[in-house]
Amino acid sequence: MKLETERLIITEFAPDMAYDVHRNSLDEDTRRFVPDEVFETEEDAKETVDFLISCYGGESGPFVYPILRRDGINLGYVQLAPIGEGWEIGYHIAKQYTGKGYASEAVRAFLPYMMEQAGIKQVHGICISENAASRKVMEKCGFVLVFEGQGEYQETVQNICRYLFPR
């Protein structure tokens, strides 16, 4: 897969992207909001990148794709992952690149394409309530807030928001 927007390229992972995945995962926002996506070593990131590459040919996901700026800089990723009640959108932009609209631009390009490819009618978006940046991305991309309150997130009970993207 290769999707292009005005500023971005969303493509498949390559093994040589492990260093960027490692580096992009170490910021305080990743540690706070998605601690299971922190890769302390490049080797940890390489194992995950290898696994994600192996998922591309299947139908069960997760389907995770790097977001590159047109100059080749790896900004983060966008994903569609299976959850108990369907599919969930996920995205991360490394801290040094946030606040520029990259996540929203990537989600707007990725979501309709992936929904069409997989025949998915709805996608969930779940985040910690205090993650204002993630909430803003979902709202800008047409997700509707359907729940806010106590819920399971990252294997603990926290204040969360659940959004839904109708097709």
N, C-alpha and C. Protein backbone atom coordinates (compact mmCIF):
# COMPACT_ATOMS: atom_id res chain seq x y z
N MET A 1 0.84 -1.18 0.00
CA MET A 1 0.00 0.00 0.00
C MET A 1 0.88 1.24 0.00
N LYS A 2 0.42 2.24 -0.70
CA LYS A 2 1.08 3.54 -0.67
C LYS A 2 0.02 4.59 -0.92
N LEU A 3 -0.26 5.38 0.12
CA LEU A 3 -1.19 6.51 0.02
C LEU A 3 -0.38 7.79 0.11
N GLU A 4 -0.74 8.76 -0.70
CA GLU A 4 -0.05 10.04 -0.66
C GLU A 4 -1.04 11.16 -0.43
N THR A 5 -0.64 12.10 0.40
CA THR A 5 -1.41 13.32 0.62
C THR A 5 -0.52 14.48 0.21
N GLU A 6 -0.98 15.67 0.45
CA GLU A 6 -0.19 16.85 0.09
C GLU A 6 1.20 16.83 0.74
N ARG A 7 1.25 16.39 2.02
CA ARG A 7 2.52 16.45 2.75
C ARG A 7 3.08 15.09 3.16
N LEU A 8 2.28 14.02 3.02
CA LEU A 8 2.64 12.74 3.62
C LEU A 8 2.62 11.58 2.64
N ILE A 9 3.34 10.54 3.02
CA ILE A 9 3.29 9.24 2.35
C ILE A 9 3.01 8.21 3.43
N ILE A 10 1.97 7.42 3.24
CA ILE A 10 1.65 6.32 4.13
C ILE A 10 1.94 5.06 3.35
N THR A 11 2.87 4.26 3.85
CA THR A 11 3.35 3.12 3.10
C THR A 11 3.56 1.94 4.03
N GLU A 12 4.12 0.87 3.53
CA GLU A 12 4.38 -0.30 4.36
C GLU A 12 5.72 -0.17 5.07
N PHE A 13 5.79 -0.81 6.24
CA PHE A 13 7.05 -0.83 6.96
C PHE A 13 8.11 -1.60 6.18
N ALA A 14 9.34 -1.21 6.37
CA ALA A 14 10.51 -1.94 5.88
C ALA A 14 11.38 -2.22 7.10
N PRO A 15 12.15 -3.31 7.08
CA PRO A 15 12.98 -3.65 8.24
C PRO A 15 13.91 -2.53 8.70
N ASP A 16 14.37 -1.70 7.77
CA ASP A 16 15.31 -0.64 8.15
C ASP A 16 14.64 0.54 8.86
N MET A 17 13.35 0.46 9.12
CA MET A 17 12.64 1.52 9.83
C MET A 17 12.63 1.32 11.34
N ALA A 18 13.24 0.25 11.83
CA ALA A 18 13.20 -0.07 13.26
C ALA A 18 13.80 1.04 14.12
N TYR A 19 14.89 1.65 13.67
CA TYR A 19 15.49 2.72 14.46
C TYR A 19 14.52 3.89 14.64
N ASP A 20 13.86 4.29 13.55
CA ASP A 20 12.89 5.39 13.64
C ASP A 20 11.72 5.04 14.55
N VAL A 21 11.24 3.81 14.47
CA VAL A 21 10.15 3.37 15.34
C VAL A 21 10.59 3.46 16.80
N HIS A 22 11.78 2.97 17.09
CA HIS A 22 12.35 3.06 18.44
C HIS A 22 12.42 4.51 18.90
N ARG A 23 13.06 5.35 18.11
CA ARG A 23 13.26 6.76 18.47
C ARG A 23 11.94 7.49 18.65
N ASN A 24 10.99 7.27 17.74
CA ASN A 24 9.70 7.96 17.81
C ASN A 24 8.86 7.53 19.00
N SER A 25 9.16 6.38 19.58
CA SER A 25 8.32 5.85 20.66
C SER A 25 8.74 6.34 22.04
N LEU A 26 9.83 7.04 22.16
CA LEU A 26 10.41 7.33 23.47
C LEU A 26 9.94 8.62 24.12
N ASP A 27 9.05 9.37 23.49
CA ASP A 27 8.65 10.64 24.09
C ASP A 27 7.67 10.44 25.25
N GLU A 28 7.51 11.48 26.04
CA GLU A 28 6.67 11.38 27.24
C GLU A 28 5.20 11.13 26.93
N ASP A 29 4.70 11.60 25.79
CA ASP A 29 3.31 11.35 25.44
C ASP A 29 3.05 9.87 25.17
N THR A 30 3.98 9.21 24.50
CA THR A 30 3.83 7.77 24.26
C THR A 30 3.86 7.03 25.59
N ARG A 31 4.79 7.37 26.44
CA ARG A 31 4.88 6.72 27.75
C ARG A 31 3.60 6.93 28.57
N ARG A 32 2.99 8.08 28.44
CA ARG A 32 1.80 8.41 29.23
C ARG A 32 0.53 7.81 28.64
N PHE A 33 0.35 7.90 27.32
CA PHE A 33 -0.93 7.53 26.73
C PHE A 33 -0.96 6.14 26.10
N VAL A 34 0.15 5.63 25.59
CA VAL A 34 0.19 4.29 24.99
C VAL A 34 1.49 3.59 25.40
N PRO A 35 1.65 3.29 26.68
CA PRO A 35 2.91 2.72 27.16
C PRO A 35 3.29 1.39 26.53
N ASP A 36 2.31 0.65 25.99
CA ASP A 36 2.65 -0.62 25.35
C ASP A 36 3.27 -0.41 23.96
N GLU A 37 3.36 0.83 23.52
CA GLU A 37 3.98 1.13 22.23
C GLU A 37 5.32 1.85 22.37
N VAL A 38 5.92 1.74 23.56
CA VAL A 38 7.26 2.26 23.80
C VAL A 38 8.24 1.13 23.54
N PHE A 39 9.25 1.41 22.73
CA PHE A 39 10.29 0.43 22.41
C PHE A 39 11.61 0.95 22.95
N GLU A 40 12.04 0.39 24.06
CA GLU A 40 13.23 0.88 24.75
C GLU A 40 14.51 0.65 23.96
N THR A 41 14.50 -0.38 23.11
CA THR A 41 15.70 -0.66 22.30
C THR A 41 15.30 -0.77 20.84
N GLU A 42 16.28 -0.60 19.98
CA GLU A 42 16.03 -0.77 18.55
C GLU A 42 15.66 -2.23 18.25
N GLU A 43 16.23 -3.16 18.98
CA GLU A 43 15.91 -4.58 18.78
C GLU A 43 14.44 -4.85 19.10
N ASP A 44 13.92 -4.24 20.18
CA ASP A 44 12.48 -4.38 20.49
C ASP A 44 11.64 -3.87 19.33
N ALA A 45 12.02 -2.71 18.80
CA ALA A 45 11.29 -2.13 17.68
C ALA A 45 11.39 -3.03 16.45
N LYS A 46 12.55 -3.61 16.21
CA LYS A 46 12.73 -4.48 15.04
C LYS A 46 11.81 -5.70 15.11
N GLU A 47 11.69 -6.30 16.28
CA GLU A 47 10.79 -7.44 16.44
C GLU A 47 9.36 -7.06 16.09
N THR A 48 8.93 -5.89 16.55
CA THR A 48 7.58 -5.43 16.27
C THR A 48 7.40 -5.10 14.79
N VAL A 49 8.38 -4.42 14.20
CA VAL A 49 8.30 -4.09 12.77
C VAL A 49 8.22 -5.38 11.95
N ASP A 50 9.02 -6.38 12.29
CA ASP A 50 8.97 -7.66 11.57
C ASP A 50 7.58 -8.29 11.69
N PHE A 51 7.00 -8.24 12.89
CA PHE A 51 5.64 -8.78 13.08
C PHE A 51 4.63 -8.00 12.24
N LEU A 52 4.71 -6.68 12.26
CA LEU A 52 3.74 -5.87 11.52
C LEU A 52 3.85 -6.12 10.01
N ILE A 53 5.05 -6.29 9.52
CA ILE A 53 5.23 -6.62 8.11
C ILE A 53 4.55 -7.94 7.79
N SER A 54 4.65 -8.91 8.69
CA SER A 54 4.03 -10.23 8.46
C SER A 54 2.51 -10.15 8.42
N CYS A 55 1.92 -9.12 8.98
CA CYS A 55 0.46 -8.97 9.00
C CYS A 55 -0.11 -8.44 7.69
N TYR A 56 0.71 -7.85 6.84
CA TYR A 56 0.21 -7.21 5.64
C TYR A 56 -0.53 -8.16 4.70
N GLY A 57 -0.16 -9.39 4.63
CA GLY A 57 -0.80 -10.33 3.71
C GLY A 57 -2.08 -10.95 4.24
N GLY A 58 -2.38 -10.74 5.52
CA GLY A 58 -3.53 -11.39 6.13
C GLY A 58 -4.77 -10.52 6.18
N GLU A 59 -5.77 -11.03 6.85
CA GLU A 59 -7.04 -10.31 6.99
C GLU A 59 -7.36 -9.94 8.42
N SER A 60 -6.55 -10.43 9.39
CA SER A 60 -6.92 -10.23 10.79
C SER A 60 -6.20 -9.07 11.47
N GLY A 61 -5.21 -8.48 10.81
CA GLY A 61 -4.52 -7.32 11.37
C GLY A 61 -3.64 -7.69 12.56
N PRO A 62 -3.09 -6.70 13.20
CA PRO A 62 -3.30 -5.28 12.97
C PRO A 62 -2.64 -4.81 11.67
N PHE A 63 -3.17 -3.73 11.13
CA PHE A 63 -2.64 -3.15 9.91
C PHE A 63 -2.03 -1.79 10.28
N VAL A 64 -0.72 -1.77 10.39
CA VAL A 64 0.00 -0.60 10.88
C VAL A 64 0.95 -0.13 9.78
N TYR A 65 0.91 1.17 9.51
CA TYR A 65 1.69 1.73 8.41
C TYR A 65 2.41 2.99 8.88
N PRO A 66 3.68 3.12 8.50
CA PRO A 66 4.41 4.33 8.87
C PRO A 66 3.90 5.55 8.10
N ILE A 67 3.97 6.67 8.77
CA ILE A 67 3.65 7.96 8.16
C ILE A 67 4.98 8.67 7.92
N LEU A 68 5.25 8.93 6.66
CA LEU A 68 6.49 9.62 6.28
C LEU A 68 6.15 11.00 5.74
N ARG A 69 6.96 11.96 6.10
CA ARG A 69 6.86 13.25 5.44
C ARG A 69 7.41 13.06 4.05
N ARG A 70 7.03 13.90 3.11
CA ARG A 70 7.48 13.73 1.72
C ARG A 70 9.00 13.78 1.57
N ASP A 71 9.70 14.37 2.54
CA ASP A 71 11.17 14.38 2.48
C ASP A 71 11.78 13.11 3.09
N GLY A 72 10.92 12.13 3.46
CA GLY A 72 11.40 10.84 3.96
C GLY A 72 11.47 10.72 5.48
N ILE A 73 11.25 11.81 6.19
CA ILE A 73 11.29 11.76 7.66
C ILE A 73 10.13 10.91 8.18
N ASN A 74 10.44 9.94 9.04
CA ASN A 74 9.43 9.07 9.64
C ASN A 74 8.81 9.81 10.82
N LEU A 75 7.52 10.12 10.69
CA LEU A 75 6.82 10.90 11.71
C LEU A 75 6.13 10.04 12.75
N GLY A 76 5.73 8.83 12.38
CA GLY A 76 4.97 7.97 13.29
C GLY A 76 4.25 6.91 12.50
N TYR A 77 3.01 6.60 12.91
CA TYR A 77 2.26 5.54 12.24
C TYR A 77 0.77 5.81 12.34
N VAL A 78 0.03 5.09 11.52
CA VAL A 78 -1.43 5.04 11.58
C VAL A 78 -1.80 3.57 11.47
N GLN A 79 -2.87 3.17 12.17
CA GLN A 79 -3.21 1.75 12.18
C GLN A 79 -4.70 1.51 12.30
N LEU A 80 -5.06 0.31 11.89
CA LEU A 80 -6.40 -0.23 12.09
C LEU A 80 -6.18 -1.57 12.78
N ALA A 81 -6.70 -1.71 14.00
CA ALA A 81 -6.44 -2.91 14.79
C ALA A 81 -7.76 -3.53 15.23
N PRO A 82 -7.80 -4.87 15.25
CA PRO A 82 -9.03 -5.53 15.70
C PRO A 82 -9.20 -5.38 17.21
N ILE A 83 -10.45 -5.13 17.61
CA ILE A 83 -10.82 -5.13 19.03
C ILE A 83 -12.07 -5.99 19.15
N GLY A 84 -12.49 -6.28 20.36
CA GLY A 84 -13.61 -7.17 20.58
C GLY A 84 -14.85 -6.84 19.79
N GLU A 85 -15.16 -5.57 19.66
CA GLU A 85 -16.39 -5.16 18.98
C GLU A 85 -16.17 -4.63 17.57
N GLY A 86 -15.06 -4.95 16.96
CA GLY A 86 -14.83 -4.51 15.58
C GLY A 86 -13.39 -4.08 15.35
N TRP A 87 -13.22 -2.84 14.90
CA TRP A 87 -11.91 -2.30 14.55
C TRP A 87 -11.69 -0.95 15.22
N GLU A 88 -10.44 -0.67 15.55
CA GLU A 88 -10.08 0.59 16.20
C GLU A 88 -8.99 1.30 15.40
N ILE A 89 -9.14 2.61 15.27
CA ILE A 89 -8.11 3.43 14.65
C ILE A 89 -7.04 3.71 15.70
N GLY A 90 -5.82 3.82 15.26
CA GLY A 90 -4.73 4.22 16.13
C GLY A 90 -3.77 5.07 15.33
N TYR A 91 -3.05 5.94 15.99
CA TYR A 91 -2.09 6.81 15.33
C TYR A 91 -1.15 7.38 16.37
N HIS A 92 0.02 7.71 15.92
CA HIS A 92 1.00 8.36 16.79
C HIS A 92 1.93 9.19 15.91
N ILE A 93 2.14 10.41 16.32
CA ILE A 93 3.12 11.28 15.70
C ILE A 93 4.15 11.61 16.77
N ALA A 94 5.42 11.43 16.46
CA ALA A 94 6.49 11.70 17.42
C ALA A 94 6.38 13.15 17.91
N LYS A 95 6.67 13.34 19.18
CA LYS A 95 6.47 14.62 19.86
C LYS A 95 7.04 15.82 19.09
N GLN A 96 8.21 15.66 18.51
CA GLN A 96 8.84 16.81 17.84
C GLN A 96 8.10 17.24 16.57
N TYR A 97 7.12 16.42 16.11
CA TYR A 97 6.37 16.75 14.89
C TYR A 97 4.90 17.03 15.16
N THR A 98 4.48 17.03 16.42
CA THR A 98 3.06 17.23 16.72
C THR A 98 2.66 18.70 16.55
N GLY A 99 1.34 18.90 16.49
CA GLY A 99 0.80 20.24 16.39
C GLY A 99 0.81 20.82 14.98
N LYS A 100 1.09 19.99 13.98
CA LYS A 100 1.15 20.45 12.59
C LYS A 100 0.06 19.84 11.71
N GLY A 101 -0.85 19.06 12.32
CA GLY A 101 -1.94 18.46 11.56
C GLY A 101 -1.60 17.17 10.84
N TYR A 102 -0.42 16.61 11.10
CA TYR A 102 -0.03 15.38 10.41
C TYR A 102 -0.94 14.20 10.74
N ALA A 103 -1.31 14.03 12.01
CA ALA A 103 -2.16 12.89 12.38
C ALA A 103 -3.52 12.99 11.69
N SER A 104 -4.13 14.15 11.71
CA SER A 104 -5.43 14.32 11.06
C SER A 104 -5.33 14.07 9.55
N GLU A 105 -4.29 14.57 8.94
CA GLU A 105 -4.10 14.37 7.50
C GLU A 105 -3.94 12.89 7.18
N ALA A 106 -3.18 12.19 8.01
CA ALA A 106 -2.97 10.75 7.79
C ALA A 106 -4.26 9.97 7.99
N VAL A 107 -5.00 10.25 9.06
CA VAL A 107 -6.24 9.52 9.34
C VAL A 107 -7.26 9.77 8.23
N ARG A 108 -7.37 11.00 7.76
CA ARG A 108 -8.33 11.31 6.69
C ARG A 108 -8.04 10.54 5.40
N ALA A 109 -6.77 10.30 5.11
CA ALA A 109 -6.41 9.54 3.92
C ALA A 109 -6.54 8.03 4.16
N PHE A 110 -6.12 7.58 5.31
CA PHE A 110 -6.02 6.16 5.62
C PHE A 110 -7.38 5.51 5.88
N LEU A 111 -8.21 6.14 6.67
CA LEU A 111 -9.44 5.51 7.14
C LEU A 111 -10.40 5.11 6.01
N PRO A 112 -10.76 6.00 5.10
CA PRO A 112 -11.67 5.59 4.03
C PRO A 112 -11.08 4.47 3.16
N TYR A 113 -9.79 4.56 2.88
CA TYR A 113 -9.13 3.55 2.07
C TYR A 113 -9.19 2.19 2.77
N MET A 114 -8.81 2.14 4.04
CA MET A 114 -8.79 0.87 4.76
C MET A 114 -10.19 0.31 4.98
N MET A 115 -11.14 1.18 5.25
CA MET A 115 -12.52 0.70 5.43
C MET A 115 -13.03 0.06 4.15
N GLU A 116 -12.73 0.67 3.04
CA GLU A 116 -13.15 0.14 1.74
C GLU A 116 -12.45 -1.20 1.46
N GLN A 117 -11.15 -1.25 1.68
CA GLN A 117 -10.38 -2.46 1.42
C GLN A 117 -10.86 -3.64 2.26
N ALA A 118 -11.18 -3.37 3.52
CA ALA A 118 -11.55 -4.44 4.45
C ALA A 118 -13.06 -4.64 4.56
N GLY A 119 -13.85 -3.81 3.90
CA GLY A 119 -15.30 -3.93 3.99
C GLY A 119 -15.83 -3.62 5.38
N ILE A 120 -15.20 -2.67 6.04
CA ILE A 120 -15.58 -2.29 7.41
C ILE A 120 -16.58 -1.14 7.37
N LYS A 121 -17.63 -1.25 8.18
CA LYS A 121 -18.66 -0.20 8.19
C LYS A 121 -18.46 0.83 9.30
N GLN A 122 -17.83 0.44 10.40
CA GLN A 122 -17.60 1.36 11.51
C GLN A 122 -16.22 1.14 12.09
N VAL A 123 -15.64 2.21 12.62
CA VAL A 123 -14.35 2.14 13.28
C VAL A 123 -14.46 2.88 14.61
N HIS A 124 -13.92 2.26 15.64
CA HIS A 124 -13.90 2.85 16.97
C HIS A 124 -12.63 3.67 17.15
N GLY A 125 -12.70 4.66 17.99
CA GLY A 125 -11.54 5.42 18.42
C GLY A 125 -11.61 5.52 19.93
N ILE A 126 -10.57 5.09 20.62
CA ILE A 126 -10.58 5.05 22.08
C ILE A 126 -9.32 5.73 22.59
N CYS A 127 -9.48 6.62 23.56
CA CYS A 127 -8.31 7.26 24.15
C CYS A 127 -8.60 7.63 25.60
N ILE A 128 -7.55 7.93 26.33
CA ILE A 128 -7.70 8.45 27.69
C ILE A 128 -8.34 9.83 27.57
N SER A 129 -9.29 10.12 28.45
CA SER A 129 -10.04 11.38 28.37
C SER A 129 -9.14 12.61 28.33
N GLU A 130 -8.05 12.59 29.05
CA GLU A 130 -7.17 13.76 29.12
C GLU A 130 -6.25 13.91 27.91
N ASN A 131 -6.33 12.98 26.96
CA ASN A 131 -5.50 13.07 25.76
C ASN A 131 -6.18 14.00 24.75
N ALA A 132 -6.04 15.29 25.00
CA ALA A 132 -6.73 16.30 24.20
C ALA A 132 -6.31 16.24 22.73
N ALA A 133 -5.06 15.96 22.46
CA ALA A 133 -4.59 15.91 21.06
C ALA A 133 -5.28 14.79 20.29
N SER A 134 -5.38 13.61 20.89
CA SER A 134 -6.01 12.49 20.22
C SER A 134 -7.51 12.75 20.01
N ARG A 135 -8.14 13.33 21.00
CA ARG A 135 -9.56 13.67 20.88
C ARG A 135 -9.77 14.65 19.73
N LYS A 136 -8.89 15.64 19.63
CA LYS A 136 -9.00 16.64 18.57
C LYS A 136 -8.87 16.00 17.19
N VAL A 137 -7.92 15.07 17.04
CA VAL A 137 -7.74 14.39 15.76
C VAL A 137 -9.03 13.67 15.38
N MET A 138 -9.58 12.89 16.32
CA MET A 138 -10.79 12.13 15.99
C MET A 138 -11.95 13.05 15.63
N GLU A 139 -12.12 14.11 16.38
CA GLU A 139 -13.22 15.04 16.09
C GLU A 139 -13.03 15.72 14.74
N LYS A 140 -11.80 16.13 14.41
CA LYS A 140 -11.53 16.75 13.12
C LYS A 140 -11.77 15.78 11.96
N CYS A 141 -11.63 14.48 12.23
CA CYS A 141 -11.75 13.47 11.18
C CYS A 141 -13.16 12.87 11.10
N GLY A 142 -14.12 13.41 11.84
CA GLY A 142 -15.50 12.98 11.71
C GLY A 142 -15.96 11.91 12.68
N PHE A 143 -15.14 11.55 13.66
CA PHE A 143 -15.58 10.62 14.68
C PHE A 143 -16.57 11.31 15.61
N VAL A 144 -17.52 10.53 16.14
CA VAL A 144 -18.55 11.05 17.04
C VAL A 144 -18.32 10.45 18.43
N LEU A 145 -18.31 11.29 19.45
CA LEU A 145 -18.16 10.82 20.83
C LEU A 145 -19.41 10.05 21.23
N VAL A 146 -19.22 8.79 21.67
CA VAL A 146 -20.37 7.96 22.07
C VAL A 146 -20.31 7.58 23.54
N PHE A 147 -19.17 7.79 24.20
CA PHE A 147 -19.05 7.44 25.62
C PHE A 147 -17.88 8.19 26.23
N GLU A 148 -18.08 8.68 27.45
CA GLU A 148 -16.98 9.23 28.24
C GLU A 148 -17.22 8.82 29.68
N GLY A 149 -16.23 8.16 30.26
CA GLY A 149 -16.34 7.69 31.64
C GLY A 149 -15.31 6.62 31.92
N GLN A 150 -15.54 5.88 32.99
CA GLN A 150 -14.64 4.81 33.38
C GLN A 150 -14.72 3.64 32.40
N GLY A 151 -13.57 3.16 31.97
CA GLY A 151 -13.51 2.03 31.06
C GLY A 151 -12.12 1.44 31.02
N GLU A 152 -12.01 0.26 30.44
CA GLU A 152 -10.71 -0.39 30.35
C GLU A 152 -9.90 0.20 29.21
N TYR A 153 -8.64 0.48 29.52
CA TYR A 153 -7.70 1.01 28.53
C TYR A 153 -6.31 0.59 28.97
N GLN A 154 -5.56 -0.03 28.07
CA GLN A 154 -4.21 -0.49 28.38
C GLN A 154 -4.22 -1.38 29.63
N GLU A 155 -5.24 -2.22 29.73
CA GLU A 155 -5.39 -3.23 30.78
C GLU A 155 -5.59 -2.64 32.17
N THR A 156 -6.02 -1.38 32.26
CA THR A 156 -6.39 -0.78 33.53
C THR A 156 -7.69 0.00 33.33
N VAL A 157 -8.38 0.29 34.42
CA VAL A 157 -9.60 1.09 34.35
C VAL A 157 -9.20 2.56 34.49
N GLN A 158 -9.62 3.36 33.51
CA GLN A 158 -9.28 4.78 33.48
C GLN A 158 -10.46 5.56 32.94
N ASN A 159 -10.37 6.89 33.02
CA ASN A 159 -11.35 7.73 32.34
C ASN A 159 -11.01 7.73 30.86
N ILE A 160 -11.95 7.27 30.04
CA ILE A 160 -11.71 7.15 28.62
C ILE A 160 -12.81 7.83 27.81
N CYS A 161 -12.51 8.02 26.56
CA CYS A 161 -13.50 8.47 25.57
C CYS A 161 -13.56 7.40 24.49
N ARG A 162 -14.77 7.10 24.06
CA ARG A 162 -14.98 6.18 22.94
C ARG A 162 -15.67 6.97 21.84
N TYR A 163 -15.08 6.90 20.68
CA TYR A 163 -15.62 7.58 19.51
C TYR A 163 -16.01 6.51 18.49
N LEU A 164 -16.86 6.89 17.56
CA LEU A 164 -17.26 5.99 16.49
C LEU A 164 -17.25 6.75 15.17
N PHE A 165 -16.70 6.10 14.16
CA PHE A 165 -16.72 6.67 12.82
C PHE A 165 -17.70 5.87 11.99
N PRO A 166 -18.87 6.45 11.70
CA PRO A 166 -19.84 5.74 10.87
C PRO A 166 -19.47 5.86 9.40
N ARG A 167 -19.84 4.85 8.66
CA ARG A 167 -19.56 4.86 7.22
C ARG A 167 -20.76 5.34 6.48
